[in-house]
Amino acid sequence: MSEETAARYMDTSQNTLNYWRAHGKGPAFKRVGQRMVRYQKADLDAFMEAQV
C-alpha cells in the first residue's frame, strides 16, 4: 500500500513514517524506484502489535 494509505491505516502522519525510515525504525517497507515507498499490511500489523 502507499505511504499515504499506510499512514492513515496506522493513524499517524507521513512525516512520522519518513522519520522512522530515515532512522531505521518503523515497519518494514519496500522502495520501488528512487521515490516510491510501499508497505504491506502484514508488516504494519506486526509493527503495531510489537508496540503494544
C-alpha atoms as a PDB file:
ATOM      1  CA  MET A   1       0.000   0.000   0.000  1.00  0.00           C
ATOM      2  CA  SER A   2       1.116   3.585  -0.476  1.00  0.00           C
ATOM      3  CA  GLU A   3       2.765   5.678   2.210  1.00  0.00           C
ATOM      4  CA  GLU A   4      -0.366   7.831   2.476  1.00  0.00           C
ATOM      5  CA  THR A   5      -2.619   4.798   2.931  1.00  0.00           C
ATOM      6  CA  ALA A   6      -0.202   3.245   5.438  1.00  0.00           C
ATOM      7  CA  ALA A   7      -0.135   6.451   7.484  1.00  0.00           C
ATOM      8  CA  ARG A   8      -3.934   6.544   7.599  1.00  0.00           C
ATOM      9  CA  TYR A   9      -4.094   2.838   8.477  1.00  0.00           C
ATOM     10  CA  MET A  10      -1.663   3.356  11.362  1.00  0.00           C
ATOM     11  CA  ASP A  11      -3.287   6.642  12.432  1.00  0.00           C
ATOM     12  CA  THR A  12      -0.002   8.513  12.095  1.00  0.00           C
ATOM     13  CA  SER A  13       1.457  11.031   9.670  1.00  0.00           C
ATOM     14  CA  GLN A  14       3.515  10.515   6.551  1.00  0.00           C
ATOM     15  CA  ASN A  15       6.210  12.613   8.236  1.00  0.00           C
ATOM     16  CA  THR A  16       6.387  10.058  11.047  1.00  0.00           C
ATOM     17  CA  LEU A  17       6.807   7.232   8.541  1.00  0.00           C
ATOM     18  CA  ASN A  18       9.553   9.264   6.808  1.00  0.00           C
ATOM     19  CA  TYR A  19      11.308   9.825  10.139  1.00  0.00           C
ATOM     20  CA  TRP A  20      11.144   6.160  11.047  1.00  0.00           C
ATOM     21  CA  ARG A  21      12.563   5.127   7.662  1.00  0.00           C
ATOM     22  CA  ALA A  22      15.387   7.670   7.923  1.00  0.00           C
ATOM     23  CA  HIS A  23      16.313   6.373  11.381  1.00  0.00           C
ATOM     24  CA  GLY A  24      15.945   2.651  10.669  1.00  0.00           C
ATOM     25  CA  LYS A  25      12.795   2.304  12.766  1.00  0.00           C
ATOM     26  CA  GLY A  26       9.170   1.613  11.995  1.00  0.00           C
ATOM     27  CA  PRO A  27       7.527  -1.065   9.888  1.00  0.00           C
ATOM     28  CA  ALA A  28       9.252  -2.882   7.050  1.00  0.00           C
ATOM     29  CA  PHE A  29       8.885  -1.217   3.665  1.00  0.00           C
ATOM     30  CA  LYS A  30       9.913  -1.688   0.062  1.00  0.00           C
ATOM     31  CA  ARG A  31      11.307   1.049  -2.126  1.00  0.00           C
ATOM     32  CA  VAL A  32      10.074   0.978  -5.724  1.00  0.00           C
ATOM     33  CA  GLY A  33      12.379   3.065  -7.855  1.00  0.00           C
ATOM     34  CA  GLN A  34      14.039   6.043  -6.185  1.00  0.00           C
ATOM     35  CA  ARG A  35      10.999   7.755  -4.700  1.00  0.00           C
ATOM     36  CA  MET A  36       8.113   5.349  -4.287  1.00  0.00           C
ATOM     37  CA  VAL A  37       7.731   3.525  -0.964  1.00  0.00           C
ATOM     38  CA  ARG A  38       5.284   0.687  -0.384  1.00  0.00           C
ATOM     39  CA  TYR A  39       4.142  -1.110   2.753  1.00  0.00           C
ATOM     40  CA  GLN A  40       2.449  -4.463   3.236  1.00  0.00           C
ATOM     41  CA  LYS A  41      -0.485  -4.684   5.626  1.00  0.00           C
ATOM     42  CA  ALA A  42       1.044  -7.672   7.438  1.00  0.00           C
ATOM     43  CA  ASP A  43       4.201  -5.638   8.164  1.00  0.00           C
ATOM     44  CA  LEU A  44       2.155  -2.733   9.517  1.00  0.00           C
ATOM     45  CA  ASP A  45       0.103  -5.078  11.698  1.00  0.00           C
ATOM     46  CA  ALA A  46       3.250  -6.781  13.033  1.00  0.00           C
ATOM     47  CA  PHE A  47       4.861  -3.445  13.850  1.00  0.00           C
ATOM     48  CA  MET A  48       1.771  -2.134  15.646  1.00  0.00           C
ATOM     49  CA  GLU A  49       1.386  -5.386  17.597  1.00  0.00           C
ATOM     50  CA  ALA A  50       5.016  -5.191  18.730  1.00  0.00           C
ATOM     51  CA  GLN A  51       4.428  -1.669  20.071  1.00  0.00           C
ATOM     52  CA  VAL A  52       1.687  -2.724  22.496  1.00  0.00           C
END
